[in-house]
Structure formats: structure tokens, C-alpha cells
Amino acid sequence: MAAPNYAFEKRQRDLAKKQKQEEKRRKKAAQTEGRKPDEPQQPGQPAGGEQEPK
């Protein structure tokens, strides 16, 4: 009978764990990407949302 290859098993577990984490990260990024900001920024307004003095 062959001896168990623990290094191979550990590598397979680690790869599965990394793949699961990557999928979770992608899902989270897709959710935040689809989310709209509270106040949509107008093209003529500065990033701070304040009016430019005239």
C-alpha cells in the first residue's frame, strides 16, 4: 500500500481555499460596482460637491 502524500493533499486544500476567496472577492467587487452613490455627481460639479465661487 502506498503512503499518503500529505503535501499534495495540503496543496489541493490551499488551492481550493484560494479559489473560494477569489470568488468571494469578485462577488463583493461586483456588488460594490453595481451600487450607486447616494448623490450622483453632475459633470459640472467638483468632486467635493461644493459649488465653485463665481
C-alpha atoms as a PDB file:
ATOM      1  CA  MET A   1       0.000   0.000   0.000  1.00  0.00           C
ATOM      2  CA  ALA A   2       1.301   3.478  -0.892  1.00  0.00           C
ATOM      3  CA  ALA A   3       1.931   6.070   1.782  1.00  0.00           C
ATOM      4  CA  PRO A   4      -0.396   9.083   1.800  1.00  0.00           C
ATOM      5  CA  ASN A   5       1.015  12.183   0.142  1.00  0.00           C
ATOM      6  CA  TYR A   6       0.181  14.847   2.713  1.00  0.00           C
ATOM      7  CA  ALA A   7       1.932  17.637   0.807  1.00  0.00           C
ATOM      8  CA  PHE A   8      -0.278  17.037  -2.233  1.00  0.00           C
ATOM      9  CA  GLU A   9      -3.433  16.999  -0.103  1.00  0.00           C
ATOM     10  CA  LYS A  10      -2.417  20.218   1.627  1.00  0.00           C
ATOM     11  CA  ARG A  11      -1.696  21.907  -1.701  1.00  0.00           C
ATOM     12  CA  GLN A  12      -5.112  20.875  -3.010  1.00  0.00           C
ATOM     13  CA  ARG A  13      -6.802  22.298   0.104  1.00  0.00           C
ATOM     14  CA  ASP A  14      -4.842  25.546  -0.206  1.00  0.00           C
ATOM     15  CA  LEU A  15      -5.713  25.920  -3.896  1.00  0.00           C
ATOM     16  CA  ALA A  16      -9.397  25.327  -3.171  1.00  0.00           C
ATOM     17  CA  LYS A  17      -9.284  27.871  -0.351  1.00  0.00           C
ATOM     18  CA  LYS A  18      -7.616  30.499  -2.566  1.00  0.00           C
ATOM     19  CA  GLN A  19     -10.142  29.884  -5.343  1.00  0.00           C
ATOM     20  CA  LYS A  20     -13.037  30.291  -2.909  1.00  0.00           C
ATOM     21  CA  GLN A  21     -11.549  33.526  -1.536  1.00  0.00           C
ATOM     22  CA  GLU A  22     -11.054  34.881  -5.079  1.00  0.00           C
ATOM     23  CA  GLU A  23     -14.669  34.106  -5.982  1.00  0.00           C
ATOM     24  CA  LYS A  24     -15.819  35.849  -2.812  1.00  0.00           C
ATOM     25  CA  ARG A  25     -13.653  38.882  -3.614  1.00  0.00           C
ATOM     26  CA  ARG A  26     -15.027  39.064  -7.173  1.00  0.00           C
ATOM     27  CA  LYS A  27     -18.609  38.787  -5.921  1.00  0.00           C
ATOM     28  CA  LYS A  28     -18.029  41.548  -3.396  1.00  0.00           C
ATOM     29  CA  ALA A  29     -16.391  43.767  -6.028  1.00  0.00           C
ATOM     30  CA  ALA A  30     -19.309  43.223  -8.400  1.00  0.00           C
ATOM     31  CA  GLN A  31     -21.778  44.227  -5.673  1.00  0.00           C
ATOM     32  CA  THR A  32     -19.938  47.449  -4.845  1.00  0.00           C
ATOM     33  CA  GLU A  33     -19.536  48.237  -8.548  1.00  0.00           C
ATOM     34  CA  GLY A  34     -23.274  47.936  -9.147  1.00  0.00           C
ATOM     35  CA  ARG A  35     -24.129  50.104  -6.164  1.00  0.00           C
ATOM     36  CA  LYS A  36     -24.947  53.750  -6.932  1.00  0.00           C
ATOM     37  CA  PRO A  37     -23.587  56.593  -4.806  1.00  0.00           C
ATOM     38  CA  ASP A  38     -26.080  58.440  -2.576  1.00  0.00           C
ATOM     39  CA  GLU A  39     -25.891  61.590  -4.680  1.00  0.00           C
ATOM     40  CA  PRO A  40     -24.965  61.236  -8.342  1.00  0.00           C
ATOM     41  CA  GLN A  41     -22.239  63.665  -9.294  1.00  0.00           C
ATOM     42  CA  GLN A  42     -23.102  66.171 -12.014  1.00  0.00           C
ATOM     43  CA  PRO A  43     -20.471  66.743 -14.732  1.00  0.00           C
ATOM     44  CA  GLY A  44     -20.197  70.478 -13.873  1.00  0.00           C
ATOM     45  CA  GLN A  45     -19.705  69.967 -10.131  1.00  0.00           C
ATOM     46  CA  PRO A  46     -16.341  69.489  -8.412  1.00  0.00           C
ATOM     47  CA  ALA A  47     -15.633  66.189  -6.656  1.00  0.00           C
ATOM     48  CA  GLY A  48     -16.341  67.639  -3.189  1.00  0.00           C
ATOM     49  CA  GLY A  49     -19.904  68.504  -4.143  1.00  0.00           C
ATOM     50  CA  GLU A  50     -19.385  72.170  -3.348  1.00  0.00           C
ATOM     51  CA  GLN A  51     -20.294  74.962  -5.733  1.00  0.00           C
ATOM     52  CA  GLU A  52     -17.435  76.851  -7.405  1.00  0.00           C
ATOM     53  CA  PRO A  53     -17.315  80.538  -6.431  1.00  0.00           C
ATOM     54  CA  LYS A  54     -18.205  82.872  -9.308  1.00  0.00           C
END
